[in-house]
Amino acid sequence: MNRECQNESLATVSDRLSRVSVAVNQIQYYLKSAGLTFTVRRIVKLLTAKSLGSLGFKRTFGRTPPVGRVDEVLDLQPGELVEVRSEEEIRKTVDGAGRNRGLTFTAEMWEYCGRRFRVFKRVQKICLEGIPGEMRQLKNTVMLEGVICNGGSRGCDRSCFLFWREAWLRRVNDNDPDLRQSLWGRP
């Protein structure tokens, strides 16, 4: 029986996409999901950062520390009901690069703000891609039932589970009378 993780072998069984094709996929995604103004601002911001970096300036802007609770511990367990915090609340838990203790709140995750889900499982250990046998430990991180990455910002088709820091979630009371309405969209 082979004990290798499929994710670890993907680099050897696939072809690398050019940076141009990845950039085109990202632009198409942002145009479709966020509109022309956001897309143009994002492109200008990235080009400015690259230009300043090539001139020898350190990239300090955009890396501001979070202002809210970065490492909230809820000790969420499988089956518990949670609500993804609002965009405003999440922005307080991430730095200027959109990260909470290194884990990025990705573009695909914003659509889930304010919605309720059940915890699928806690994430405590993961295999690193591209480094066979390398495992890392995570704290206060879960996966939610049915919440997967649509790969839109990169054009990826893998449909991976998204990792959620507990600081991005709030526990919901199962006895909430509006629970059925909010979860399934019907009374």
Protein backbone atom coordinates (compact mmCIF):
# COMPACT_ATOMS: atom_id res chain seq x y z
CA MET A 1 0.00 0.00 0.00
CA ASN A 2 1.38 3.41 -1.04
CA ARG A 3 1.30 6.03 1.74
CA GLU A 4 2.19 8.99 -0.47
CA CYS A 5 -0.13 12.00 -0.46
CA GLN A 6 -1.46 12.86 -3.92
CA ASN A 7 -0.83 16.56 -3.33
CA GLU A 8 2.87 15.85 -2.81
CA SER A 9 3.19 14.22 -6.24
CA LEU A 10 1.23 16.80 -8.24
CA ALA A 11 4.35 18.78 -9.12
CA THR A 12 5.87 15.77 -10.87
CA VAL A 13 2.76 14.73 -12.83
CA SER A 14 1.68 18.13 -14.10
CA ASP A 15 2.93 20.91 -16.35
CA ARG A 16 3.78 24.38 -15.05
CA LEU A 17 1.58 27.24 -16.32
CA SER A 18 3.29 30.42 -17.45
CA ARG A 19 3.01 33.49 -15.26
CA VAL A 20 1.17 35.21 -18.08
CA SER A 21 -1.60 32.58 -18.18
CA VAL A 22 -1.97 32.73 -14.40
CA ALA A 23 -2.17 36.54 -14.56
CA VAL A 24 -4.80 36.38 -17.31
CA ASN A 25 -6.88 33.95 -15.19
CA GLN A 26 -6.62 36.29 -12.21
CA ILE A 27 -7.67 39.32 -14.24
CA GLN A 28 -10.65 37.45 -15.70
CA TYR A 29 -11.72 36.35 -12.21
CA TYR A 30 -11.46 39.83 -10.69
CA LEU A 31 -13.27 41.42 -13.63
CA LYS A 32 -16.12 38.93 -13.28
CA SER A 33 -16.39 38.94 -9.48
CA ALA A 34 -15.31 42.46 -8.42
CA GLY A 35 -15.62 44.66 -11.50
CA LEU A 36 -13.38 46.86 -13.61
CA THR A 37 -12.53 49.49 -10.97
CA PHE A 38 -11.30 46.93 -8.42
CA THR A 39 -9.33 45.06 -11.09
CA VAL A 40 -7.57 48.20 -12.34
CA ARG A 41 -6.72 49.28 -8.77
CA ARG A 42 -5.31 45.83 -8.02
CA ILE A 43 -3.15 45.83 -11.16
CA VAL A 44 -1.82 49.33 -10.41
CA LYS A 45 -1.04 48.33 -6.81
CA LEU A 46 0.87 45.22 -7.94
CA LEU A 47 2.80 47.08 -10.63
CA THR A 48 3.71 49.85 -8.17
CA ALA A 49 4.95 47.31 -5.63
CA LYS A 50 7.07 45.51 -8.25
CA SER A 51 8.49 48.81 -9.57
CA LEU A 52 9.47 50.00 -6.11
CA GLY A 53 10.98 46.60 -5.31
CA SER A 54 13.14 46.66 -8.44
CA LEU A 55 14.41 50.11 -7.39
CA GLY A 56 15.58 48.67 -4.08
CA PHE A 57 12.80 49.91 -1.81
CA LYS A 58 11.60 47.46 0.79
CA ARG A 59 7.95 46.50 0.57
CA THR A 60 6.70 47.75 3.91
CA PHE A 61 3.36 49.16 2.81
CA GLY A 62 0.45 46.75 2.81
CA ARG A 63 2.02 44.71 5.61
CA THR A 64 0.38 46.45 8.52
CA PRO A 65 -0.29 44.31 11.58
CA PRO A 66 -3.87 43.25 12.31
CA VAL A 67 -5.84 45.44 14.71
CA GLY A 68 -8.26 42.83 16.08
CA ARG A 69 -7.98 39.44 17.74
CA VAL A 70 -5.51 37.47 15.67
CA ASP A 71 -5.62 34.14 17.46
CA GLU A 72 -9.10 33.64 18.86
CA VAL A 73 -9.55 30.15 20.30
CA LEU A 74 -13.06 28.70 19.96
CA ASP A 75 -12.02 25.02 20.07
CA LEU A 76 -14.59 24.27 17.36
CA GLN A 77 -15.53 20.63 16.85
CA PRO A 78 -17.02 18.76 13.87
CA GLY A 79 -20.77 19.35 13.55
CA GLU A 80 -20.80 22.70 15.35
CA LEU A 81 -22.59 25.55 13.62
CA VAL A 82 -20.60 28.69 12.83
CA GLU A 83 -21.08 31.93 10.98
CA VAL A 84 -18.32 33.51 8.92
CA ARG A 85 -17.69 36.97 10.35
CA SER A 86 -18.43 40.12 8.35
CA GLU A 87 -15.88 41.57 5.95
CA GLU A 88 -15.19 44.41 8.39
CA GLU A 89 -14.55 42.00 11.29
CA ILE A 90 -12.26 39.79 9.22
CA ARG A 91 -10.21 42.75 7.99
CA LYS A 92 -9.40 43.47 11.66
CA THR A 93 -7.88 39.97 12.06
CA VAL A 94 -5.56 40.05 9.04
CA ASP A 95 -2.47 42.05 8.20
CA GLY A 96 -2.09 44.27 5.14
CA ALA A 97 -1.36 41.21 2.98
CA GLY A 98 -4.63 39.58 4.08
CA ARG A 99 -2.99 37.00 6.35
CA ASN A 100 -3.71 35.79 9.85
CA ARG A 101 -0.56 34.24 11.29
CA GLY A 102 0.56 33.42 7.74
CA LEU A 103 -2.73 31.91 6.49
CA THR A 104 -4.27 34.00 3.71
CA PHE A 105 -7.94 34.94 3.63
CA THR A 106 -8.25 34.33 -0.11
CA ALA A 107 -10.35 36.17 -2.69
CA GLU A 108 -12.71 33.19 -2.91
CA MET A 109 -13.49 33.35 0.82
CA TRP A 110 -15.13 36.81 0.84
CA GLU A 111 -18.35 35.45 -0.70
CA TYR A 112 -18.93 33.38 2.44
CA CYS A 113 -19.00 36.36 4.85
CA GLY A 114 -22.17 36.38 6.95
CA ARG A 115 -23.16 32.85 5.95
CA ARG A 116 -23.57 29.86 8.26
CA PHE A 117 -21.98 26.43 7.96
CA ARG A 118 -21.19 23.37 10.01
CA VAL A 119 -17.62 22.56 10.95
CA PHE A 120 -16.45 19.60 8.87
CA LYS A 121 -13.26 18.92 10.82
CA ARG A 122 -10.39 20.49 12.70
CA VAL A 123 -7.13 20.87 10.78
CA GLN A 124 -4.19 20.03 12.98
CA LYS A 125 -1.60 18.62 10.57
CA ILE A 126 -1.04 19.09 6.85
CA CYS A 127 1.39 17.77 4.24
CA LEU A 128 3.29 20.44 2.37
CA GLU A 129 3.10 20.22 -1.39
CA GLY A 130 6.36 19.84 -3.21
CA ILE A 131 8.21 18.65 -0.11
CA PRO A 132 7.50 14.89 0.21
CA GLY A 133 7.05 13.78 3.78
CA GLU A 134 7.03 17.33 5.17
CA MET A 135 4.21 17.89 7.65
CA ARG A 136 3.24 21.02 9.54
CA GLN A 137 1.01 21.69 12.51
CA LEU A 138 -1.83 24.23 12.48
CA LYS A 139 -3.64 25.77 15.42
CA ASN A 140 -7.19 27.06 15.70
CA THR A 141 -8.03 26.14 12.10
CA VAL A 142 -11.02 24.24 10.68
CA MET A 143 -12.65 23.21 7.41
CA LEU A 144 -16.35 23.89 6.84
CA GLU A 145 -18.86 21.49 5.26
CA GLY A 146 -19.34 22.17 1.56
CA VAL A 147 -17.07 25.21 1.52
CA ILE A 148 -14.45 24.69 -1.15
CA CYS A 149 -12.20 26.92 -3.22
CA ASN A 150 -13.67 27.60 -6.63
CA GLY A 151 -10.20 28.47 -7.92
CA GLY A 152 -11.57 31.52 -9.65
CA SER A 153 -8.74 33.91 -8.90
CA ARG A 154 -6.19 31.49 -10.33
CA GLY A 155 -8.27 29.36 -12.70
CA CYS A 156 -7.57 26.19 -10.69
CA ASP A 157 -9.99 23.24 -10.88
CA ARG A 158 -8.95 21.28 -7.76
CA SER A 159 -11.86 22.36 -5.50
CA CYS A 160 -9.79 22.15 -2.31
CA PHE A 161 -11.30 22.71 1.11
CA LEU A 162 -10.59 26.19 2.43
CA PHE A 163 -8.83 26.55 5.78
CA TRP A 164 -10.60 28.86 8.25
CA ARG A 165 -8.95 30.42 11.29
CA GLU A 166 -11.29 30.42 14.28
CA ALA A 167 -10.80 34.21 14.45
CA TRP A 168 -12.76 34.43 11.17
CA LEU A 169 -15.75 32.54 12.59
CA ARG A 170 -18.29 32.88 15.38
CA ARG A 171 -20.16 30.06 17.06
CA VAL A 172 -23.93 30.04 16.39
CA ASN A 173 -26.59 28.74 18.74
CA ASP A 174 -28.32 25.65 17.27
CA ASN A 175 -31.58 26.79 18.89
CA ASP A 176 -31.74 29.97 16.79
CA PRO A 177 -35.28 30.14 15.30
CA ASP A 178 -33.93 31.68 12.08
CA LEU A 179 -31.40 28.87 11.71
CA ARG A 180 -33.35 26.80 9.19
CA GLN A 181 -34.09 29.90 7.12
CA SER A 182 -30.45 31.01 7.00
CA LEU A 183 -28.99 27.60 6.27
CA TRP A 184 -31.38 26.35 3.63
CA GLY A 185 -33.11 29.52 2.45
CA ARG A 186 -36.60 28.32 3.38
CA PRO A 187 -38.75 28.31 6.53
